[in-house]
Amino acid sequence: MKRHAYLIIAHHHFDMLKNLIRALDSEHADFYIHINRSVRDLDEADILSAAKKSRARIFRRYRITWGADTQIRCELYLMEQAAKERYDYYHLLSGVDIPLKTGSEIEAFFEAQDKSFLEVKQEKDLGATLDRVRRYAFFQPLIGRQKAGRGKLYALLDQLAYESDKLQRMLKIDRTKNAPFAYCRGGNWFSITHALLAYILTQRPVIRKYFYHSVTADELFVQSVAMASPLRDEIIRDNLRLVDWTRTEHGGCSPHTFTSEDEEMLVSCRDKLFARKFDPAIDREIIERMYARIGIGGGENSN
């Protein structure tokens, strides 16, 4: 049987994280979990106890801010840790994802595969996308997601970020001009082979140069590097995740949060393995029902 590494990034709703581990727990799988360093009073032992057959490790290396390069650094760090054990497949998930199939069904799917699954979108105009990485977004780790009424400090940071970008425009700074690849975009969640993950790790100097100090470039760096690699023909341009971007949230920055009204769509989905995202503060019942479908009782509050 092929071996799987689940790379999970989480910062809240840890009962959901535990159920995700329970759903995927297997003697053929291990978990590499990063939990935001800003989280307080974390019971790591309780989370790790959800893994009965797998090995699970928790890391607290980064304080991840929305849109900042800390997301890229975190993903690379989890890749590095898992690559030491050389798995057949590596799956990047968030802590609020829910599998649409059982763990054994997911493993059976990949048993018959030798390709990597990565969303790569075809775009007519990359202009707005390239603005994420053209200039250096030094203040993004401090600013995060834009919100109204955050006070004078954030207003000052926003102004500094604006002035920094303005100065870089005047100096005609454009990091994309000499990039040794064509920029590509897609969801950052993936299921990829060891060969592709190992190649991505060899490109860390390139990633640091062209994607660090950027805004939401976690949706660019894997795709851009992978599609410029000798393995590009081994990539299926589908990450097997059900994500609804037709109903966006937070000003278009986040996909729709699934609710009970979406249950028929979720249940009838046959060509995806995972769905995101869910939030027990918005709709706990859909979480419980989706986990019950794959044999994880108790839903979000399961023990």
C-alpha atoms as a PDB file:
ATOM      1  CA  MET A   1       0.000   0.000   0.000  1.00  0.00           C
ATOM      2  CA  LYS A   2       1.119   3.540  -0.719  1.00  0.00           C
ATOM      3  CA  ARG A   3       2.044   5.736   2.211  1.00  0.00           C
ATOM      4  CA  HIS A   4       0.448   9.124   2.789  1.00  0.00           C
ATOM      5  CA  ALA A   5       1.492  12.251   4.657  1.00  0.00           C
ATOM      6  CA  TYR A   6      -1.264  14.666   5.621  1.00  0.00           C
ATOM      7  CA  LEU A   7       0.120  18.177   6.059  1.00  0.00           C
ATOM      8  CA  ILE A   8      -2.463  20.128   8.035  1.00  0.00           C
ATOM      9  CA  ILE A   9      -2.482  23.845   8.832  1.00  0.00           C
ATOM     10  CA  ALA A  10      -4.833  24.821  11.672  1.00  0.00           C
ATOM     11  CA  HIS A  11      -5.448  27.740  13.991  1.00  0.00           C
ATOM     12  CA  HIS A  12      -8.875  27.127  15.570  1.00  0.00           C
ATOM     13  CA  HIS A  13     -11.813  24.696  15.839  1.00  0.00           C
ATOM     14  CA  PHE A  14      -9.570  21.933  17.149  1.00  0.00           C
ATOM     15  CA  ASP A  15     -12.453  19.493  17.619  1.00  0.00           C
ATOM     16  CA  MET A  16     -12.798  19.621  13.847  1.00  0.00           C
ATOM     17  CA  LEU A  17      -9.084  18.953  13.525  1.00  0.00           C
ATOM     18  CA  LYS A  18      -9.423  15.910  15.770  1.00  0.00           C
ATOM     19  CA  ASN A  19     -12.244  14.543  13.643  1.00  0.00           C
ATOM     20  CA  LEU A  20     -10.206  15.127  10.495  1.00  0.00           C
ATOM     21  CA  ILE A  21      -7.424  13.049  12.033  1.00  0.00           C
ATOM     22  CA  ARG A  22      -9.886  10.332  13.057  1.00  0.00           C
ATOM     23  CA  ALA A  23     -11.331  10.185   9.555  1.00  0.00           C
ATOM     24  CA  LEU A  24      -7.923   9.735   7.906  1.00  0.00           C
ATOM     25  CA  ASP A  25      -6.246   7.678  10.649  1.00  0.00           C
ATOM     26  CA  SER A  26      -4.513   4.657   9.096  1.00  0.00           C
ATOM     27  CA  GLU A  27      -1.436   2.479   9.370  1.00  0.00           C
ATOM     28  CA  HIS A  28      -0.572   3.831   5.906  1.00  0.00           C
ATOM     29  CA  ALA A  29      -0.762   7.522   6.863  1.00  0.00           C
ATOM     30  CA  ASP A  30       0.949  10.023   9.155  1.00  0.00           C
ATOM     31  CA  PHE A  31       0.071  13.584  10.171  1.00  0.00           C
ATOM     32  CA  TYR A  32       2.268  16.686  10.159  1.00  0.00           C
ATOM     33  CA  ILE A  33       0.219  19.409  11.813  1.00  0.00           C
ATOM     34  CA  HIS A  34       1.127  23.060  12.118  1.00  0.00           C
ATOM     35  CA  ILE A  35      -0.855  25.093  14.622  1.00  0.00           C
ATOM     36  CA  ASN A  36      -0.491  28.848  14.654  1.00  0.00           C
ATOM     37  CA  ARG A  37       2.017  29.992  17.241  1.00  0.00           C
ATOM     38  CA  SER A  38      -0.454  32.640  18.423  1.00  0.00           C
ATOM     39  CA  VAL A  39      -2.824  29.968  19.781  1.00  0.00           C
ATOM     40  CA  ARG A  40      -2.860  29.890  23.584  1.00  0.00           C
ATOM     41  CA  ASP A  41      -3.702  27.057  25.999  1.00  0.00           C
ATOM     42  CA  LEU A  42      -3.372  24.354  23.359  1.00  0.00           C
ATOM     43  CA  ASP A  43      -3.809  20.779  24.569  1.00  0.00           C
ATOM     44  CA  GLU A  44      -1.458  19.044  22.135  1.00  0.00           C
ATOM     45  CA  ALA A  45      -1.849  15.654  23.786  1.00  0.00           C
ATOM     46  CA  ASP A  46      -5.606  15.786  23.307  1.00  0.00           C
ATOM     47  CA  ILE A  47      -5.220  16.489  19.580  1.00  0.00           C
ATOM     48  CA  LEU A  48      -2.577  13.815  19.112  1.00  0.00           C
ATOM     49  CA  SER A  49      -4.766  11.268  20.874  1.00  0.00           C
ATOM     50  CA  ALA A  50      -7.080  11.266  17.846  1.00  0.00           C
ATOM     51  CA  ALA A  51      -4.439   9.322  15.893  1.00  0.00           C
ATOM     52  CA  LYS A  52      -4.646   5.647  16.877  1.00  0.00           C
ATOM     53  CA  LYS A  53      -2.923   3.980  13.913  1.00  0.00           C
ATOM     54  CA  SER A  54      -0.969   6.881  12.439  1.00  0.00           C
ATOM     55  CA  ARG A  55       1.955   8.834  13.746  1.00  0.00           C
ATOM     56  CA  ALA A  56       1.132  12.480  14.377  1.00  0.00           C
ATOM     57  CA  ARG A  57       3.349  15.461  15.138  1.00  0.00           C
ATOM     58  CA  ILE A  58       2.466  19.036  15.986  1.00  0.00           C
ATOM     59  CA  PHE A  59       4.628  22.022  15.082  1.00  0.00           C
ATOM     60  CA  ARG A  60       4.280  25.606  16.355  1.00  0.00           C
ATOM     61  CA  ARG A  61       6.931  27.342  14.256  1.00  0.00           C
ATOM     62  CA  TYR A  62       5.059  30.275  12.665  1.00  0.00           C
ATOM     63  CA  ARG A  63       2.601  32.981  13.599  1.00  0.00           C
ATOM     64  CA  ILE A  64       0.678  32.844  10.339  1.00  0.00           C
ATOM     65  CA  THR A  65      -0.984  36.019   9.098  1.00  0.00           C
ATOM     66  CA  TRP A  66      -3.540  36.049   6.309  1.00  0.00           C
ATOM     67  CA  GLY A  67      -1.964  36.869   2.958  1.00  0.00           C
ATOM     68  CA  ALA A  68       1.598  36.987   4.275  1.00  0.00           C
ATOM     69  CA  ASP A  69       4.526  34.825   3.260  1.00  0.00           C
ATOM     70  CA  THR A  70       4.303  33.017   6.602  1.00  0.00           C
ATOM     71  CA  GLN A  71       1.820  30.730   4.854  1.00  0.00           C
ATOM     72  CA  ILE A  72       4.447  29.851   2.242  1.00  0.00           C
ATOM     73  CA  ARG A  73       7.113  29.330   4.883  1.00  0.00           C
ATOM     74  CA  CYS A  74       4.779  27.075   6.854  1.00  0.00           C
ATOM     75  CA  GLU A  75       3.896  24.945   3.839  1.00  0.00           C
ATOM     76  CA  LEU A  76       7.559  24.518   2.918  1.00  0.00           C
ATOM     77  CA  TYR A  77       8.413  23.624   6.500  1.00  0.00           C
ATOM     78  CA  LEU A  78       5.768  20.890   6.614  1.00  0.00           C
ATOM     79  CA  MET A  79       6.992  19.590   3.257  1.00  0.00           C
ATOM     80  CA  GLU A  80      10.540  19.441   4.565  1.00  0.00           C
ATOM     81  CA  GLN A  81       9.534  17.569   7.704  1.00  0.00           C
ATOM     82  CA  ALA A  82       7.426  15.008   5.861  1.00  0.00           C
ATOM     83  CA  ALA A  83       9.924  14.506   3.017  1.00  0.00           C
ATOM     84  CA  LYS A  84      12.385  13.010   5.513  1.00  0.00           C
ATOM     85  CA  GLU A  85      10.180   9.905   5.632  1.00  0.00           C
ATOM     86  CA  ARG A  86       9.581   9.744   1.849  1.00  0.00           C
ATOM     87  CA  TYR A  87       5.862   9.133   1.411  1.00  0.00           C
ATOM     88  CA  ASP A  88       4.152   8.274  -1.849  1.00  0.00           C
ATOM     89  CA  TYR A  89       1.654  11.121  -1.559  1.00  0.00           C
ATOM     90  CA  TYR A  90       1.547  14.391   0.367  1.00  0.00           C
ATOM     91  CA  HIS A  91      -1.820  16.078   0.985  1.00  0.00           C
ATOM     92  CA  LEU A  92      -2.030  19.688   2.150  1.00  0.00           C
ATOM     93  CA  LEU A  93      -5.230  20.347   4.104  1.00  0.00           C
ATOM     94  CA  SER A  94      -6.635  22.986   6.402  1.00  0.00           C
ATOM     95  CA  GLY A  95      -7.913  22.105   9.842  1.00  0.00           C
ATOM     96  CA  VAL A  96     -11.488  22.935   8.779  1.00  0.00           C
ATOM     97  CA  ASP A  97     -11.599  20.593   5.777  1.00  0.00           C
ATOM     98  CA  ILE A  98     -13.881  17.550   5.814  1.00  0.00           C
ATOM     99  CA  PRO A  99     -13.246  14.404   3.752  1.00  0.00           C
ATOM    100  CA  LEU A 100     -16.053  13.545   1.343  1.00  0.00           C
ATOM    101  CA  LYS A 101     -15.000   9.901   1.407  1.00  0.00           C
ATOM    102  CA  THR A 102     -13.668   7.539   4.048  1.00  0.00           C
ATOM    103  CA  GLY A 103      -9.951   7.327   4.672  1.00  0.00           C
ATOM    104  CA  SER A 104      -9.812   3.858   3.109  1.00  0.00           C
ATOM    105  CA  GLU A 105     -11.648   5.104   0.000  1.00  0.00           C
ATOM    106  CA  ILE A 106      -9.177   7.968  -0.337  1.00  0.00           C
ATOM    107  CA  GLU A 107      -6.250   5.577  -0.014  1.00  0.00           C
ATOM    108  CA  ALA A 108      -7.814   3.236  -2.588  1.00  0.00           C
ATOM    109  CA  PHE A 109      -8.174   6.135  -5.030  1.00  0.00           C
ATOM    110  CA  PHE A 110      -4.488   7.011  -4.825  1.00  0.00           C
ATOM    111  CA  GLU A 111      -3.413   3.364  -4.967  1.00  0.00           C
ATOM    112  CA  ALA A 112      -4.320   3.450  -8.646  1.00  0.00           C
ATOM    113  CA  GLN A 113      -2.648   6.831  -9.297  1.00  0.00           C
ATOM    114  CA  ASP A 114       0.861   8.002 -10.137  1.00  0.00           C
ATOM    115  CA  LYS A 115       0.075  11.654 -10.936  1.00  0.00           C
ATOM    116  CA  SER A 116       0.079  14.796  -8.798  1.00  0.00           C
ATOM    117  CA  PHE A 117      -3.186  16.658  -8.253  1.00  0.00           C
ATOM    118  CA  LEU A 118      -2.806  20.423  -8.215  1.00  0.00           C
ATOM    119  CA  GLU A 119      -5.236  23.139  -9.256  1.00  0.00           C
ATOM    120  CA  VAL A 120      -3.754  25.292 -12.023  1.00  0.00           C
ATOM    121  CA  LYS A 121      -6.116  27.905 -13.409  1.00  0.00           C
ATOM    122  CA  GLN A 122      -6.089  29.215 -16.946  1.00  0.00           C
ATOM    123  CA  GLU A 123      -6.196  33.004 -16.779  1.00  0.00           C
ATOM    124  CA  LYS A 124      -6.619  35.472 -19.604  1.00  0.00           C
ATOM    125  CA  ASP A 125      -5.136  38.353 -17.628  1.00  0.00           C
ATOM    126  CA  LEU A 126      -2.442  37.771 -15.025  1.00  0.00           C
ATOM    127  CA  GLY A 127      -2.044  41.471 -14.279  1.00  0.00           C
ATOM    128  CA  ALA A 128      -3.904  41.577 -10.972  1.00  0.00           C
ATOM    129  CA  THR A 129      -2.387  38.266  -9.961  1.00  0.00           C
ATOM    130  CA  LEU A 130       1.141  39.465 -10.650  1.00  0.00           C
ATOM    131  CA  ASP A 131       0.527  42.542  -8.512  1.00  0.00           C
ATOM    132  CA  ARG A 132       0.659  40.174  -5.549  1.00  0.00           C
ATOM    133  CA  VAL A 133       4.353  39.556  -6.173  1.00  0.00           C
ATOM    134  CA  ARG A 134       5.674  42.461  -8.298  1.00  0.00           C
ATOM    135  CA  ARG A 135       6.712  44.536  -5.298  1.00  0.00           C
ATOM    136  CA  TYR A 136       7.688  43.763  -1.706  1.00  0.00           C
ATOM    137  CA  ALA A 137       4.832  43.660   0.807  1.00  0.00           C
ATOM    138  CA  PHE A 138       6.977  44.120   3.897  1.00  0.00           C
ATOM    139  CA  PHE A 139       4.046  45.053   6.148  1.00  0.00           C
ATOM    140  CA  GLN A 140       1.657  42.221   5.233  1.00  0.00           C
ATOM    141  CA  PRO A 141       2.663  39.994   8.210  1.00  0.00           C
ATOM    142  CA  LEU A 142       1.585  42.852  10.501  1.00  0.00           C
ATOM    143  CA  ILE A 143      -1.535  43.893   8.606  1.00  0.00           C
ATOM    144  CA  GLY A 144      -3.230  40.615   7.663  1.00  0.00           C
ATOM    145  CA  ARG A 145      -6.776  40.699   6.321  1.00  0.00           C
ATOM    146  CA  GLN A 146      -8.240  44.175   5.896  1.00  0.00           C
ATOM    147  CA  LYS A 147     -11.001  44.893   8.415  1.00  0.00           C
ATOM    148  CA  ALA A 148     -12.908  48.051   9.243  1.00  0.00           C
ATOM    149  CA  GLY A 149     -12.457  49.747  12.587  1.00  0.00           C
ATOM    150  CA  ARG A 150      -9.178  48.145  13.625  1.00  0.00           C
ATOM    151  CA  GLY A 151      -7.748  51.277  15.204  1.00  0.00           C
ATOM    152  CA  LYS A 152      -4.952  53.767  14.667  1.00  0.00           C
ATOM    153  CA  LEU A 153      -2.099  51.256  14.639  1.00  0.00           C
ATOM    154  CA  TYR A 154      -3.502  49.345  11.680  1.00  0.00           C
ATOM    155  CA  ALA A 155      -4.337  52.608   9.932  1.00  0.00           C
ATOM    156  CA  LEU A 156      -0.683  53.598  10.316  1.00  0.00           C
ATOM    157  CA  LEU A 157       0.498  50.217   9.008  1.00  0.00           C
ATOM    158  CA  ASP A 158      -1.847  50.490   6.032  1.00  0.00           C
ATOM    159  CA  GLN A 159      -0.442  53.926   5.253  1.00  0.00           C
ATOM    160  CA  LEU A 160       3.129  52.685   5.536  1.00  0.00           C
ATOM    161  CA  ALA A 161       2.326  49.781   3.213  1.00  0.00           C
ATOM    162  CA  TYR A 162       0.785  52.208   0.723  1.00  0.00           C
ATOM    163  CA  GLU A 163       3.806  54.516   0.824  1.00  0.00           C
ATOM    164  CA  SER A 164       6.175  51.581   0.445  1.00  0.00           C
ATOM    165  CA  ASP A 165       4.310  50.327  -2.611  1.00  0.00           C
ATOM    166  CA  LYS A 166       4.185  53.855  -4.051  1.00  0.00           C
ATOM    167  CA  LEU A 167       7.949  54.263  -3.654  1.00  0.00           C
ATOM    168  CA  GLN A 168       8.616  50.897  -5.289  1.00  0.00           C
ATOM    169  CA  ARG A 169       6.424  51.890  -8.233  1.00  0.00           C
ATOM    170  CA  MET A 170       8.442  55.099  -8.612  1.00  0.00           C
ATOM    171  CA  LEU A 171      11.646  53.057  -8.559  1.00  0.00           C
ATOM    172  CA  LYS A 172      10.110  50.695 -11.145  1.00  0.00           C
ATOM    173  CA  ILE A 173      10.674  47.656  -8.994  1.00  0.00           C
ATOM    174  CA  ASP A 174       9.171  44.564 -10.615  1.00  0.00           C
ATOM    175  CA  ARG A 175      10.277  41.175  -9.331  1.00  0.00           C
ATOM    176  CA  THR A 176       8.355  39.339 -12.046  1.00  0.00           C
ATOM    177  CA  LYS A 177      10.452  40.606 -14.974  1.00  0.00           C
ATOM    178  CA  ASN A 178      13.293  38.115 -14.715  1.00  0.00           C
ATOM    179  CA  ALA A 179      11.468  35.182 -13.154  1.00  0.00           C
ATOM    180  CA  PRO A 180      12.735  31.846 -14.533  1.00  0.00           C
ATOM    181  CA  PHE A 181       9.183  30.521 -14.898  1.00  0.00           C
ATOM    182  CA  ALA A 182       5.710  31.560 -16.022  1.00  0.00           C
ATOM    183  CA  TYR A 183       3.495  32.566 -13.112  1.00  0.00           C
ATOM    184  CA  CYS A 184       0.508  30.295 -12.523  1.00  0.00           C
ATOM    185  CA  ARG A 185      -2.280  30.399  -9.967  1.00  0.00           C
ATOM    186  CA  GLY A 186      -4.606  27.999  -8.137  1.00  0.00           C
ATOM    187  CA  GLY A 187      -5.718  26.844  -4.721  1.00  0.00           C
ATOM    188  CA  ASN A 188      -2.803  26.135  -2.418  1.00  0.00           C
ATOM    189  CA  TRP A 189      -4.225  22.776  -1.267  1.00  0.00           C
ATOM    190  CA  PHE A 190      -2.772  19.780  -3.100  1.00  0.00           C
ATOM    191  CA  SER A 191      -2.162  16.032  -3.282  1.00  0.00           C
ATOM    192  CA  ILE A 192       1.242  15.502  -4.880  1.00  0.00           C
ATOM    193  CA  THR A 193       3.837  12.779  -5.314  1.00  0.00           C
ATOM    194  CA  HIS A 194       7.179  12.575  -3.599  1.00  0.00           C
ATOM    195  CA  ALA A 195       8.958  13.366  -6.861  1.00  0.00           C
ATOM    196  CA  LEU A 196       7.138  16.678  -7.265  1.00  0.00           C
ATOM    197  CA  LEU A 197       7.436  17.637  -3.609  1.00  0.00           C
ATOM    198  CA  ALA A 198      11.164  16.881  -3.665  1.00  0.00           C
ATOM    199  CA  TYR A 199      11.565  19.073  -6.747  1.00  0.00           C
ATOM    200  CA  ILE A 200       9.684  21.945  -5.099  1.00  0.00           C
ATOM    201  CA  LEU A 201      12.044  21.745  -2.134  1.00  0.00           C
ATOM    202  CA  THR A 202      15.062  22.050  -4.450  1.00  0.00           C
ATOM    203  CA  GLN A 203      13.580  25.364  -5.618  1.00  0.00           C
ATOM    204  CA  ARG A 204      13.559  27.038  -2.203  1.00  0.00           C
ATOM    205  CA  PRO A 205      16.091  29.746  -3.226  1.00  0.00           C
ATOM    206  CA  VAL A 206      13.882  30.644  -6.200  1.00  0.00           C
ATOM    207  CA  ILE A 207      10.771  30.641  -4.006  1.00  0.00           C
ATOM    208  CA  ARG A 208      12.428  32.930  -1.456  1.00  0.00           C
ATOM    209  CA  LYS A 209      13.504  35.358  -4.173  1.00  0.00           C
ATOM    210  CA  TYR A 210      10.249  35.599  -6.107  1.00  0.00           C
ATOM    211  CA  PHE A 211       7.498  34.825  -3.586  1.00  0.00           C
ATOM    212  CA  TYR A 212       8.556  35.921  -0.104  1.00  0.00           C
ATOM    213  CA  HIS A 213       7.383  39.376   1.077  1.00  0.00           C
ATOM    214  CA  SER A 214       4.276  39.116  -1.088  1.00  0.00           C
ATOM    215  CA  VAL A 215       0.477  39.044  -0.731  1.00  0.00           C
ATOM    216  CA  THR A 216      -1.413  35.716  -0.983  1.00  0.00           C
ATOM    217  CA  ALA A 217       1.383  34.177  -3.045  1.00  0.00           C
ATOM    218  CA  ASP A 218       0.654  30.809  -1.412  1.00  0.00           C
ATOM    219  CA  GLU A 219      -1.749  30.472  -4.366  1.00  0.00           C
ATOM    220  CA  LEU A 220       1.119  31.014  -6.815  1.00  0.00           C
ATOM    221  CA  PHE A 221       4.384  29.475  -5.692  1.00  0.00           C
ATOM    222  CA  VAL A 222       3.637  25.746  -5.937  1.00  0.00           C
ATOM    223  CA  GLN A 223       1.837  26.117  -9.281  1.00  0.00           C
ATOM    224  CA  SER A 224       4.526  28.323 -10.818  1.00  0.00           C
ATOM    225  CA  VAL A 225       7.403  26.107  -9.764  1.00  0.00           C
ATOM    226  CA  ALA A 226       5.609  22.847 -10.545  1.00  0.00           C
ATOM    227  CA  MET A 227       4.501  23.880 -14.040  1.00  0.00           C
ATOM    228  CA  ALA A 228       8.082  24.905 -14.870  1.00  0.00           C
ATOM    229  CA  SER A 229       9.438  21.563 -13.672  1.00  0.00           C
ATOM    230  CA  PRO A 230      10.349  18.425 -15.662  1.00  0.00           C
ATOM    231  CA  LEU A 231       7.310  16.862 -13.960  1.00  0.00           C
ATOM    232  CA  ARG A 232       4.702  19.222 -15.420  1.00  0.00           C
ATOM    233  CA  ASP A 233       3.235  16.472 -17.628  1.00  0.00           C
ATOM    234  CA  GLU A 234       2.671  14.369 -14.507  1.00  0.00           C
ATOM    235  CA  ILE A 235       0.264  16.940 -13.022  1.00  0.00           C
ATOM    236  CA  ILE A 236      -3.517  16.666 -13.138  1.00  0.00           C
ATOM    237  CA  ARG A 237      -4.843  20.237 -12.908  1.00  0.00           C
ATOM    238  CA  ASP A 238      -7.415  19.404 -10.258  1.00  0.00           C
ATOM    239  CA  ASN A 239      -6.661  19.358  -6.530  1.00  0.00           C
ATOM    240  CA  LEU A 240      -9.687  17.137  -5.738  1.00  0.00           C
ATOM    241  CA  ARG A 241     -11.079  19.754  -3.322  1.00  0.00           C
ATOM    242  CA  LEU A 242     -14.642  21.029  -3.397  1.00  0.00           C
ATOM    243  CA  VAL A 243     -14.348  24.775  -2.792  1.00  0.00           C
ATOM    244  CA  ASP A 244     -17.098  27.250  -3.657  1.00  0.00           C
ATOM    245  CA  TRP A 245     -15.655  30.538  -4.926  1.00  0.00           C
ATOM    246  CA  THR A 246     -18.951  31.568  -6.556  1.00  0.00           C
ATOM    247  CA  ARG A 247     -20.167  32.793  -3.148  1.00  0.00           C
ATOM    248  CA  THR A 248     -17.208  34.555  -1.631  1.00  0.00           C
ATOM    249  CA  GLU A 249     -16.787  36.038   1.831  1.00  0.00           C
ATOM    250  CA  HIS A 250     -14.603  38.743   3.405  1.00  0.00           C
ATOM    251  CA  GLY A 251     -14.747  40.948   0.341  1.00  0.00           C
ATOM    252  CA  GLY A 252     -13.925  38.129  -2.048  1.00  0.00           C
ATOM    253  CA  CYS A 253     -10.887  36.930  -0.089  1.00  0.00           C
ATOM    254  CA  SER A 254     -12.418  33.678   1.193  1.00  0.00           C
ATOM    255  CA  PRO A 255     -14.604  30.954  -0.295  1.00  0.00           C
ATOM    256  CA  HIS A 256     -18.127  30.187   0.847  1.00  0.00           C
ATOM    257  CA  THR A 257     -18.564  28.462   4.219  1.00  0.00           C
ATOM    258  CA  PHE A 258     -20.725  25.387   3.663  1.00  0.00           C
ATOM    259  CA  THR A 259     -24.003  25.109   5.579  1.00  0.00           C
ATOM    260  CA  SER A 260     -26.901  22.675   5.763  1.00  0.00           C
ATOM    261  CA  GLU A 261     -28.340  24.284   2.647  1.00  0.00           C
ATOM    262  CA  ASP A 262     -25.356  22.879   0.736  1.00  0.00           C
ATOM    263  CA  GLU A 263     -25.774  19.302   1.947  1.00  0.00           C
ATOM    264  CA  GLU A 264     -27.234  17.945  -1.295  1.00  0.00           C
ATOM    265  CA  MET A 265     -24.331  19.398  -3.267  1.00  0.00           C
ATOM    266  CA  LEU A 266     -21.791  17.989  -0.819  1.00  0.00           C
ATOM    267  CA  VAL A 267     -23.348  14.525  -0.720  1.00  0.00           C
ATOM    268  CA  SER A 268     -23.769  14.278  -4.484  1.00  0.00           C
ATOM    269  CA  CYS A 269     -20.194  15.330  -5.249  1.00  0.00           C
ATOM    270  CA  ARG A 270     -18.413  12.300  -6.729  1.00  0.00           C
ATOM    271  CA  ASP A 271     -15.222  13.696  -8.234  1.00  0.00           C
ATOM    272  CA  LYS A 272     -13.740  15.393  -5.147  1.00  0.00           C
ATOM    273  CA  LEU A 273     -12.141  13.902  -2.042  1.00  0.00           C
ATOM    274  CA  PHE A 274     -12.240  16.837   0.382  1.00  0.00           C
ATOM    275  CA  ALA A 275     -14.440  19.879   0.931  1.00  0.00           C
ATOM    276  CA  ARG A 276     -13.648  23.235   2.501  1.00  0.00           C
ATOM    277  CA  LYS A 277     -14.547  25.210   4.380  1.00  0.00           C
ATOM    278  CA  PHE A 278     -16.782  24.630   7.409  1.00  0.00           C
ATOM    279  CA  ASP A 279     -17.322  26.576  10.623  1.00  0.00           C
ATOM    280  CA  PRO A 280     -19.156  25.234  13.694  1.00  0.00           C
ATOM    281  CA  ALA A 281     -19.972  28.799  14.734  1.00  0.00           C
ATOM    282  CA  ILE A 282     -21.967  29.171  11.508  1.00  0.00           C
ATOM    283  CA  ASP A 283     -23.474  25.693  11.108  1.00  0.00           C
ATOM    284  CA  ARG A 284     -22.531  22.855  13.443  1.00  0.00           C
ATOM    285  CA  GLU A 285     -25.164  20.454  12.119  1.00  0.00           C
ATOM    286  CA  ILE A 286     -23.704  20.130   8.625  1.00  0.00           C
ATOM    287  CA  ILE A 287     -20.346  19.221  10.159  1.00  0.00           C
ATOM    288  CA  GLU A 288     -21.913  16.505  12.289  1.00  0.00           C
ATOM    289  CA  ARG A 289     -23.864  15.066   9.366  1.00  0.00           C
ATOM    290  CA  MET A 290     -20.893  15.068   6.996  1.00  0.00           C
ATOM    291  CA  TYR A 291     -18.732  13.234   9.509  1.00  0.00           C
ATOM    292  CA  ALA A 292     -21.538  10.797  10.316  1.00  0.00           C
ATOM    293  CA  ARG A 293     -21.644   9.888   6.603  1.00  0.00           C
ATOM    294  CA  ILE A 294     -18.077   8.603   6.770  1.00  0.00           C
ATOM    295  CA  GLY A 295     -18.481   6.873  10.109  1.00  0.00           C
ATOM    296  CA  ILE A 296     -17.087   9.470  12.491  1.00  0.00           C
ATOM    297  CA  GLY A 297     -19.694   9.796  15.194  1.00  0.00           C
ATOM    298  CA  GLY A 298     -20.417  12.883  17.237  1.00  0.00           C
ATOM    299  CA  GLY A 299     -19.395  15.399  14.579  1.00  0.00           C
ATOM    300  CA  GLU A 300     -17.565  18.490  15.717  1.00  0.00           C
ATOM    301  CA  ASN A 301     -17.756  17.556  19.376  1.00  0.00           C
ATOM    302  CA  SER A 302     -16.686  13.944  19.035  1.00  0.00           C
ATOM    303  CA  ASN A 303     -14.373  12.590  21.735  1.00  0.00           C
END
